[in-house]
Amino acid sequence: MKGTTAEPAQIRDWLVTYIAKLLEFEPEEVKTGIPLGRYGLDSIAAAALTEDLGKWLGFKVDPAILYEHKTIDSLAAFLGRPDADQPD
């Protein structure tokens, strides 16, 4: 088990910035409570997102997590837990 030192709000901000850049949106246009699938992320973009997020957090983030935590808010809350169960 490997936790994170990032707070949910920091993770949420990182995700908003990442998605805004990817989709060429303004950050204010990214809504954190809607499913990420509504932004049209394909499997390649989802894999890249989780890989980059994992590098930022310092541990591997499985792309399948996006199926369990479908919104930015849910994903950030889960990954921001100090006891987040993440593989090395």
PDB file of N, CA and C in Angstrom:
ATOM      1  N   MET A   1       0.854  -1.172   0.000  1.00  0.00           N
ATOM      2  CA  MET A   1       0.000   0.000   0.000  1.00  0.00           C
ATOM      3  C   MET A   1       0.898   1.233   0.000  1.00  0.00           C
ATOM      4  N   LYS A   2       0.537   2.163  -0.845  1.00  0.00           N
ATOM      5  CA  LYS A   2       1.350   3.372  -0.957  1.00  0.00           C
ATOM      6  C   LYS A   2       0.407   4.562  -1.034  1.00  0.00           C
ATOM      7  N   GLY A   3       0.470   5.444  -0.072  1.00  0.00           N
ATOM      8  CA  GLY A   3      -0.389   6.613  -0.075  1.00  0.00           C
ATOM      9  C   GLY A   3       0.247   7.779  -0.806  1.00  0.00           C
ATOM     10  N   THR A   4      -0.473   8.857  -0.832  1.00  0.00           N
ATOM     11  CA  THR A   4       0.001  10.054  -1.522  1.00  0.00           C
ATOM     12  C   THR A   4       0.132  11.191  -0.527  1.00  0.00           C
ATOM     13  N   THR A   5       0.955  12.137  -0.873  1.00  0.00           N
ATOM     14  CA  THR A   5       1.062  13.340  -0.050  1.00  0.00           C
ATOM     15  C   THR A   5       0.277  14.485  -0.677  1.00  0.00           C
ATOM     16  N   ALA A   6      -0.299  14.253  -1.850  1.00  0.00           N
ATOM     17  CA  ALA A   6      -1.086  15.295  -2.515  1.00  0.00           C
ATOM     18  C   ALA A   6      -2.502  15.311  -1.935  1.00  0.00           C
ATOM     19  N   GLU A   7      -2.999  16.487  -1.718  1.00  0.00           N
ATOM     20  CA  GLU A   7      -4.369  16.666  -1.237  1.00  0.00           C
ATOM     21  C   GLU A   7      -5.342  16.514  -2.403  1.00  0.00           C
ATOM     22  N   PRO A   8      -6.582  16.099  -2.131  1.00  0.00           N
ATOM     23  CA  PRO A   8      -7.568  15.987  -3.213  1.00  0.00           C
ATOM     24  C   PRO A   8      -7.692  17.260  -4.054  1.00  0.00           C
ATOM     25  N   ALA A   9      -7.639  18.426  -3.424  1.00  0.00           N
ATOM     26  CA  ALA A   9      -7.761  19.686  -4.180  1.00  0.00           C
ATOM     27  C   ALA A   9      -6.583  19.873  -5.136  1.00  0.00           C
ATOM     28  N   GLN A  10      -5.383  19.459  -4.727  1.00  0.00           N
ATOM     29  CA  GLN A  10      -4.219  19.561  -5.601  1.00  0.00           C
ATOM     30  C   GLN A  10      -4.358  18.615  -6.796  1.00  0.00           C
ATOM     31  N   ILE A  11      -4.846  17.421  -6.523  1.00  0.00           N
ATOM     32  CA  ILE A  11      -5.036  16.441  -7.588  1.00  0.00           C
ATOM     33  C   ILE A  11      -6.125  16.933  -8.545  1.00  0.00           C
ATOM     34  N   ARG A  12      -7.199  17.470  -7.996  1.00  0.00           N
ATOM     35  CA  ARG A  12      -8.275  18.018  -8.822  1.00  0.00           C
ATOM     36  C   ARG A  12      -7.746  19.133  -9.717  1.00  0.00           C
ATOM     37  N   ASP A  13      -6.957  20.028  -9.162  1.00  0.00           N
ATOM     38  CA  ASP A  13      -6.386  21.125  -9.957  1.00  0.00           C
ATOM     39  C   ASP A  13      -5.472  20.596 -11.055  1.00  0.00           C
ATOM     40  N   TRP A  14      -4.671  19.578 -10.735  1.00  0.00           N
ATOM     41  CA  TRP A  14      -3.784  18.984 -11.735  1.00  0.00           C
ATOM     42  C   TRP A  14      -4.615  18.388 -12.870  1.00  0.00           C
ATOM     43  N   LEU A  15      -5.664  17.650 -12.518  1.00  0.00           N
ATOM     44  CA  LEU A  15      -6.518  17.030 -13.531  1.00  0.00           C
ATOM     45  C   LEU A  15      -7.221  18.069 -14.396  1.00  0.00           C
ATOM     46  N   VAL A  16      -7.720  19.126 -13.789  1.00  0.00           N
ATOM     47  CA  VAL A  16      -8.385  20.188 -14.549  1.00  0.00           C
ATOM     48  C   VAL A  16      -7.411  20.817 -15.536  1.00  0.00           C
ATOM     49  N   THR A  17      -6.220  21.134 -15.072  1.00  0.00           N
ATOM     50  CA  THR A  17      -5.212  21.740 -15.946  1.00  0.00           C
ATOM     51  C   THR A  17      -4.841  20.791 -17.080  1.00  0.00           C
ATOM     52  N   TYR A  18      -4.645  19.527 -16.762  1.00  0.00           N
ATOM     53  CA  TYR A  18      -4.262  18.530 -17.760  1.00  0.00           C
ATOM     54  C   TYR A  18      -5.335  18.403 -18.840  1.00  0.00           C
ATOM     55  N   ILE A  19      -6.579  18.248 -18.418  1.00  0.00           N
ATOM     56  CA  ILE A  19      -7.674  18.065 -19.379  1.00  0.00           C
ATOM     57  C   ILE A  19      -7.900  19.337 -20.187  1.00  0.00           C
ATOM     58  N   ALA A  20      -7.795  20.478 -19.545  1.00  0.00           N
ATOM     59  CA  ALA A  20      -7.949  21.745 -20.276  1.00  0.00           C
ATOM     60  C   ALA A  20      -6.894  21.868 -21.376  1.00  0.00           C
ATOM     61  N   LYS A  21      -5.649  21.549 -21.055  1.00  0.00           N
ATOM     62  CA  LYS A  21      -4.589  21.616 -22.069  1.00  0.00           C
ATOM     63  C   LYS A  21      -4.825  20.594 -23.170  1.00  0.00           C
ATOM     64  N   LEU A  22      -5.182  19.373 -22.786  1.00  0.00           N
ATOM     65  CA  LEU A  22      -5.404  18.312 -23.754  1.00  0.00           C
ATOM     66  C   LEU A  22      -6.508  18.664 -24.750  1.00  0.00           C
ATOM     67  N   LEU A  23      -7.584  19.237 -24.242  1.00  0.00           N
ATOM     68  CA  LEU A  23      -8.748  19.529 -25.080  1.00  0.00           C
ATOM     69  C   LEU A  23      -8.789  20.971 -25.577  1.00  0.00           C
ATOM     70  N   GLU A  24      -7.758  21.735 -25.227  1.00  0.00           N
ATOM     71  CA  GLU A  24      -7.676  23.145 -25.608  1.00  0.00           C
ATOM     72  C   GLU A  24      -8.884  23.936 -25.105  1.00  0.00           C
ATOM     73  N   PHE A  25      -9.194  23.700 -23.832  1.00  0.00           N
ATOM     74  CA  PHE A  25     -10.252  24.415 -23.116  1.00  0.00           C
ATOM     75  C   PHE A  25      -9.591  25.399 -22.165  1.00  0.00           C
ATOM     76  N   GLU A  26     -10.371  26.328 -21.686  1.00  0.00           N
ATOM     77  CA  GLU A  26      -9.959  27.129 -20.538  1.00  0.00           C
ATOM     78  C   GLU A  26     -10.228  26.273 -19.301  1.00  0.00           C
ATOM     79  N   PRO A  27      -9.398  26.346 -18.279  1.00  0.00           N
ATOM     80  CA  PRO A  27      -9.635  25.520 -17.091  1.00  0.00           C
ATOM     81  C   PRO A  27     -11.036  25.687 -16.498  1.00  0.00           C
ATOM     82  N   GLU A  28     -11.587  26.884 -16.590  1.00  0.00           N
ATOM     83  CA  GLU A  28     -12.937  27.091 -16.022  1.00  0.00           C
ATOM     84  C   GLU A  28     -14.008  26.315 -16.777  1.00  0.00           C
ATOM     85  N   GLU A  29     -13.706  25.880 -17.988  1.00  0.00           N
ATOM     86  CA  GLU A  29     -14.669  25.113 -18.779  1.00  0.00           C
ATOM     87  C   GLU A  29     -14.714  23.640 -18.384  1.00  0.00           C
ATOM     88  N   VAL A  30     -13.733  23.185 -17.639  1.00  0.00           N
ATOM     89  CA  VAL A  30     -13.683  21.786 -17.222  1.00  0.00           C
ATOM     90  C   VAL A  30     -14.517  21.641 -15.953  1.00  0.00           C
ATOM     91  N   LYS A  31     -15.567  20.859 -16.064  1.00  0.00           N
ATOM     92  CA  LYS A  31     -16.473  20.620 -14.929  1.00  0.00           C
ATOM     93  C   LYS A  31     -16.044  19.352 -14.213  1.00  0.00           C
ATOM     94  N   THR A  32     -15.781  19.451 -12.929  1.00  0.00           N
ATOM     95  CA  THR A  32     -15.201  18.346 -12.177  1.00  0.00           C
ATOM     96  C   THR A  32     -16.215  17.301 -11.722  1.00  0.00           C
ATOM     97  N   GLY A  33     -17.496  17.598 -11.851  1.00  0.00           N
ATOM     98  CA  GLY A  33     -18.516  16.660 -11.380  1.00  0.00           C
ATOM     99  C   GLY A  33     -19.166  15.832 -12.468  1.00  0.00           C
ATOM    100  N   ILE A  34     -18.740  16.012 -13.715  1.00  0.00           N
ATOM    101  CA  ILE A  34     -19.339  15.218 -14.786  1.00  0.00           C
ATOM    102  C   ILE A  34     -18.386  14.088 -15.176  1.00  0.00           C
ATOM    103  N   PRO A  35     -18.920  13.001 -15.728  1.00  0.00           N
ATOM    104  CA  PRO A  35     -18.046  11.888 -16.107  1.00  0.00           C
ATOM    105  C   PRO A  35     -16.985  12.309 -17.122  1.00  0.00           C
ATOM    106  N   LEU A  36     -15.777  11.810 -16.918  1.00  0.00           N
ATOM    107  CA  LEU A  36     -14.680  12.126 -17.827  1.00  0.00           C
ATOM    108  C   LEU A  36     -14.984  11.683 -19.248  1.00  0.00           C
ATOM    109  N   GLY A  37     -15.787  10.643 -19.396  1.00  0.00           N
ATOM    110  CA  GLY A  37     -16.160  10.164 -20.719  1.00  0.00           C
ATOM    111  C   GLY A  37     -16.864  11.217 -21.552  1.00  0.00           C
ATOM    112  N   ARG A  38     -17.510  12.158 -20.918  1.00  0.00           N
ATOM    113  CA  ARG A  38     -18.197  13.232 -21.656  1.00  0.00           C
ATOM    114  C   ARG A  38     -17.219  14.154 -22.383  1.00  0.00           C
ATOM    115  N   TYR A  39     -15.958  14.100 -21.960  1.00  0.00           N
ATOM    116  CA  TYR A  39     -14.954  14.916 -22.633  1.00  0.00           C
ATOM    117  C   TYR A  39     -14.375  14.202 -23.849  1.00  0.00           C
ATOM    118  N   GLY A  40     -14.857  12.997 -24.113  1.00  0.00           N
ATOM    119  CA  GLY A  40     -14.429  12.278 -25.308  1.00  0.00           C
ATOM    120  C   GLY A  40     -13.032  11.697 -25.241  1.00  0.00           C
ATOM    121  N   LEU A  41     -12.542  11.434 -24.034  1.00  0.00           N
ATOM    122  CA  LEU A  41     -11.216  10.838 -23.907  1.00  0.00           C
ATOM    123  C   LEU A  41     -11.267   9.404 -24.407  1.00  0.00           C
ATOM    124  N   ASP A  42     -10.417   9.078 -25.369  1.00  0.00           N
ATOM    125  CA  ASP A  42     -10.349   7.699 -25.834  1.00  0.00           C
ATOM    126  C   ASP A  42      -9.400   6.918 -24.927  1.00  0.00           C
ATOM    127  N   SER A  43      -9.236   5.637 -25.201  1.00  0.00           N
ATOM    128  CA  SER A  43      -8.413   4.799 -24.332  1.00  0.00           C
ATOM    129  C   SER A  43      -6.947   5.238 -24.330  1.00  0.00           C
ATOM    130  N   ILE A  44      -6.469   5.729 -25.454  1.00  0.00           N
ATOM    131  CA  ILE A  44      -5.071   6.198 -25.519  1.00  0.00           C
ATOM    132  C   ILE A  44      -4.892   7.440 -24.645  1.00  0.00           C
ATOM    133  N   ALA A  45      -5.840   8.380 -24.734  1.00  0.00           N
ATOM    134  CA  ALA A  45      -5.764   9.591 -23.910  1.00  0.00           C
ATOM    135  C   ALA A  45      -5.909   9.247 -22.434  1.00  0.00           C
ATOM    136  N   ALA A  46      -6.780   8.295 -22.109  1.00  0.00           N
ATOM    137  CA  ALA A  46      -6.968   7.884 -20.715  1.00  0.00           C
ATOM    138  C   ALA A  46      -5.697   7.245 -20.164  1.00  0.00           C
ATOM    139  N   ALA A  47      -5.049   6.409 -20.977  1.00  0.00           N
ATOM    140  CA  ALA A  47      -3.802   5.777 -20.545  1.00  0.00           C
ATOM    141  C   ALA A  47      -2.703   6.820 -20.334  1.00  0.00           C
ATOM    142  N   ALA A  48      -2.618   7.784 -21.241  1.00  0.00           N
ATOM    143  CA  ALA A  48      -1.619   8.844 -21.104  1.00  0.00           C
ATOM    144  C   ALA A  48      -1.897   9.686 -19.851  1.00  0.00           C
ATOM    145  N   LEU A  49      -3.163   9.990 -19.608  1.00  0.00           N
ATOM    146  CA  LEU A  49      -3.534  10.771 -18.429  1.00  0.00           C
ATOM    147  C   LEU A  49      -3.101  10.056 -17.164  1.00  0.00           C
ATOM    148  N   THR A  50      -3.431   8.755 -17.045  1.00  0.00           N
ATOM    149  CA  THR A  50      -3.091   8.044 -15.816  1.00  0.00           C
ATOM    150  C   THR A  50      -1.577   7.861 -15.676  1.00  0.00           C
ATOM    151  N   GLU A  51      -0.875   7.701 -16.784  1.00  0.00           N
ATOM    152  CA  GLU A  51       0.584   7.591 -16.710  1.00  0.00           C
ATOM    153  C   GLU A  51       1.193   8.903 -16.223  1.00  0.00           C
ATOM    154  N   ASP A  52       0.759  10.018 -16.802  1.00  0.00           N
ATOM    155  CA  ASP A  52       1.288  11.325 -16.391  1.00  0.00           C
ATOM    156  C   ASP A  52       0.898  11.652 -14.953  1.00  0.00           C
ATOM    157  N   LEU A  53      -0.335  11.302 -14.585  1.00  0.00           N
ATOM    158  CA  LEU A  53      -0.785  11.530 -13.215  1.00  0.00           C
ATOM    159  C   LEU A  53       0.058  10.714 -12.244  1.00  0.00           C
ATOM    160  N   GLY A  54       0.329   9.471 -12.592  1.00  0.00           N
ATOM    161  CA  GLY A  54       1.159   8.623 -11.743  1.00  0.00           C
ATOM    162  C   GLY A  54       2.565   9.171 -11.570  1.00  0.00           C
ATOM    163  N   LYS A  55       3.126   9.689 -12.639  1.00  0.00           N
ATOM    164  CA  LYS A  55       4.462  10.300 -12.545  1.00  0.00           C
ATOM    165  C   LYS A  55       4.425  11.486 -11.585  1.00  0.00           C
ATOM    166  N   TRP A  56       3.377  12.279 -11.685  1.00  0.00           N
ATOM    167  CA  TRP A  56       3.253  13.446 -10.810  1.00  0.00           C
ATOM    168  C   TRP A  56       3.063  13.020  -9.349  1.00  0.00           C
ATOM    169  N   LEU A  57       2.233  11.979  -9.128  1.00  0.00           N
ATOM    170  CA  LEU A  57       1.962  11.522  -7.767  1.00  0.00           C
ATOM    171  C   LEU A  57       3.112  10.704  -7.175  1.00  0.00           C
ATOM    172  N   GLY A  58       3.875  10.060  -8.056  1.00  0.00           N
ATOM    173  CA  GLY A  58       4.969   9.241  -7.565  1.00  0.00           C
ATOM    174  C   GLY A  58       4.643   7.771  -7.439  1.00  0.00           C
ATOM    175  N   PHE A  59       3.516   7.323  -7.993  1.00  0.00           N
ATOM    176  CA  PHE A  59       3.188   5.900  -8.035  1.00  0.00           C
ATOM    177  C   PHE A  59       2.317   5.611  -9.244  1.00  0.00           C
ATOM    178  N   LYS A  60       2.348   4.347  -9.677  1.00  0.00           N
ATOM    179  CA  LYS A  60       1.605   3.937 -10.861  1.00  0.00           C
ATOM    180  C   LYS A  60       0.106   4.045 -10.604  1.00  0.00           C
ATOM    181  N   VAL A  61      -0.594   4.647 -11.553  1.00  0.00           N
ATOM    182  CA  VAL A  61      -2.051   4.747 -11.489  1.00  0.00           C
ATOM    183  C   VAL A  61      -2.604   3.892 -12.620  1.00  0.00           C
ATOM    184  N   ASP A  62      -3.356   2.875 -12.273  1.00  0.00           N
ATOM    185  CA  ASP A  62      -3.939   1.959 -13.249  1.00  0.00           C
ATOM    186  C   ASP A  62      -5.030   2.684 -14.044  1.00  0.00           C
ATOM    187  N   PRO A  63      -4.981   2.631 -15.384  1.00  0.00           N
ATOM    188  CA  PRO A  63      -6.021   3.295 -16.186  1.00  0.00           C
ATOM    189  C   PRO A  63      -7.440   2.811 -15.871  1.00  0.00           C
ATOM    190  N   ALA A  64      -7.570   1.581 -15.376  1.00  0.00           N
ATOM    191  CA  ALA A  64      -8.893   1.053 -15.034  1.00  0.00           C
ATOM    192  C   ALA A  64      -9.568   1.861 -13.930  1.00  0.00           C
ATOM    193  N   ILE A  65      -8.790   2.630 -13.178  1.00  0.00           N
ATOM    194  CA  ILE A  65      -9.364   3.439 -12.101  1.00  0.00           C
ATOM    195  C   ILE A  65     -10.379   4.452 -12.639  1.00  0.00           C
ATOM    196  N   LEU A  66     -10.220   4.817 -13.920  1.00  0.00           N
ATOM    197  CA  LEU A  66     -11.150   5.784 -14.512  1.00  0.00           C
ATOM    198  C   LEU A  66     -12.547   5.193 -14.691  1.00  0.00           C
ATOM    199  N   TYR A  67     -12.650   3.864 -14.672  1.00  0.00           N
ATOM    200  CA  TYR A  67     -13.967   3.221 -14.750  1.00  0.00           C
ATOM    201  C   TYR A  67     -14.640   3.167 -13.387  1.00  0.00           C
ATOM    202  N   GLU A  68     -13.846   3.167 -12.340  1.00  0.00           N
ATOM    203  CA  GLU A  68     -14.376   3.139 -10.982  1.00  0.00           C
ATOM    204  C   GLU A  68     -14.667   4.543 -10.455  1.00  0.00           C
ATOM    205  N   HIS A  69     -13.836   5.482 -10.835  1.00  0.00           N
ATOM    206  CA  HIS A  69     -13.967   6.870 -10.376  1.00  0.00           C
ATOM    207  C   HIS A  69     -14.100   7.723 -11.628  1.00  0.00           C
ATOM    208  N   LYS A  70     -15.326   7.942 -12.036  1.00  0.00           N
ATOM    209  CA  LYS A  70     -15.617   8.495 -13.363  1.00  0.00           C
ATOM    210  C   LYS A  70     -15.533  10.010 -13.473  1.00  0.00           C
ATOM    211  N   THR A  71     -15.497  10.695 -12.343  1.00  0.00           N
ATOM    212  CA  THR A  71     -15.410  12.155 -12.394  1.00  0.00           C
ATOM    213  C   THR A  71     -14.075  12.615 -11.813  1.00  0.00           C
ATOM    214  N   ILE A  72     -13.692  13.814 -12.132  1.00  0.00           N
ATOM    215  CA  ILE A  72     -12.473  14.391 -11.558  1.00  0.00           C
ATOM    216  C   ILE A  72     -12.597  14.450 -10.047  1.00  0.00           C
ATOM    217  N   ASP A  73     -13.753  14.855  -9.544  1.00  0.00           N
ATOM    218  CA  ASP A  73     -13.944  14.948  -8.092  1.00  0.00           C
ATOM    219  C   ASP A  73     -13.756  13.601  -7.411  1.00  0.00           C
ATOM    220  N   SER A  74     -14.364  12.560  -7.977  1.00  0.00           N
ATOM    221  CA  SER A  74     -14.264  11.228  -7.388  1.00  0.00           C
ATOM    222  C   SER A  74     -12.833  10.700  -7.452  1.00  0.00           C
ATOM    223  N   LEU A  75     -12.190  10.870  -8.580  1.00  0.00           N
ATOM    224  CA  LEU A  75     -10.818  10.401  -8.752  1.00  0.00           C
ATOM    225  C   LEU A  75      -9.871  11.124  -7.801  1.00  0.00           C
ATOM    226  N   ALA A  76     -10.017  12.429  -7.706  1.00  0.00           N
ATOM    227  CA  ALA A  76      -9.148  13.214  -6.822  1.00  0.00           C
ATOM    228  C   ALA A  76      -9.361  12.832  -5.357  1.00  0.00           C
ATOM    229  N   ALA A  77     -10.610  12.621  -4.962  1.00  0.00           N
ATOM    230  CA  ALA A  77     -10.894  12.229  -3.576  1.00  0.00           C
ATOM    231  C   ALA A  77     -10.274  10.869  -3.269  1.00  0.00           C
ATOM    232  N   PHE A  78     -10.394   9.927  -4.192  1.00  0.00           N
ATOM    233  CA  PHE A  78      -9.836   8.603  -3.975  1.00  0.00           C
ATOM    234  C   PHE A  78      -8.310   8.648  -3.908  1.00  0.00           C
ATOM    235  N   LEU A  79      -7.681   9.279  -4.867  1.00  0.00           N
ATOM    236  CA  LEU A  79      -6.225   9.310  -4.932  1.00  0.00           C
ATOM    237  C   LEU A  79      -5.615  10.193  -3.844  1.00  0.00           C
ATOM    238  N   GLY A  80      -6.389  11.109  -3.307  1.00  0.00           N
ATOM    239  CA  GLY A  80      -5.888  12.008  -2.273  1.00  0.00           C
ATOM    240  C   GLY A  80      -5.941  11.429  -0.870  1.00  0.00           C
ATOM    241  N   ARG A  81      -6.512  10.243  -0.738  1.00  0.00           N
ATOM    242  CA  ARG A  81      -6.541   9.599   0.586  1.00  0.00           C
ATOM    243  C   ARG A  81      -5.137   9.178   0.971  1.00  0.00           C
ATOM    244  N   PRO A  82      -4.749   9.397   2.217  1.00  0.00           N
ATOM    245  CA  PRO A  82      -3.409   8.981   2.639  1.00  0.00           C
ATOM    246  C   PRO A  82      -3.215   7.468   2.545  1.00  0.00           C
ATOM    247  N   ASP A  83      -4.309   6.715   2.614  1.00  0.00           N
ATOM    248  CA  ASP A  83      -4.221   5.250   2.572  1.00  0.00           C
ATOM    249  C   ASP A  83      -4.620   4.694   1.210  1.00  0.00           C
ATOM    250  N   ALA A  84      -4.552   5.526   0.168  1.00  0.00           N
ATOM    251  CA  ALA A  84      -4.940   5.070  -1.177  1.00  0.00           C
ATOM    252  C   ALA A  84      -4.149   3.811  -1.521  1.00  0.00           C
ATOM    253  N   ASP A  85      -4.868   2.770  -1.880  1.00  0.00           N
ATOM    254  CA  ASP A  85      -4.254   1.485  -2.194  1.00  0.00           C
ATOM    255  C   ASP A  85      -3.792   1.508  -3.629  1.00  0.00           C
ATOM    256  N   GLN A  86      -2.530   1.770  -3.834  1.00  0.00           N
ATOM    257  CA  GLN A  86      -1.948   1.865  -5.160  1.00  0.00           C
ATOM    258  C   GLN A  86      -0.753   0.936  -5.258  1.00  0.00           C
ATOM    259  N   PRO A  87      -0.586   0.278  -6.394  1.00  0.00           N
ATOM    260  CA  PRO A  87       0.584  -0.592  -6.547  1.00  0.00           C
ATOM    261  C   PRO A  87       1.864   0.223  -6.686  1.00  0.00           C
ATOM    262  N   ASP A  88       2.999  -0.399  -6.363  1.00  0.00           N
ATOM    263  CA  ASP A  88       4.290   0.245  -6.550  1.00  0.00           C
ATOM    264  C   ASP A  88       4.619   0.376  -8.005  1.00  0.00           C
TER     265      ASP A  88
END
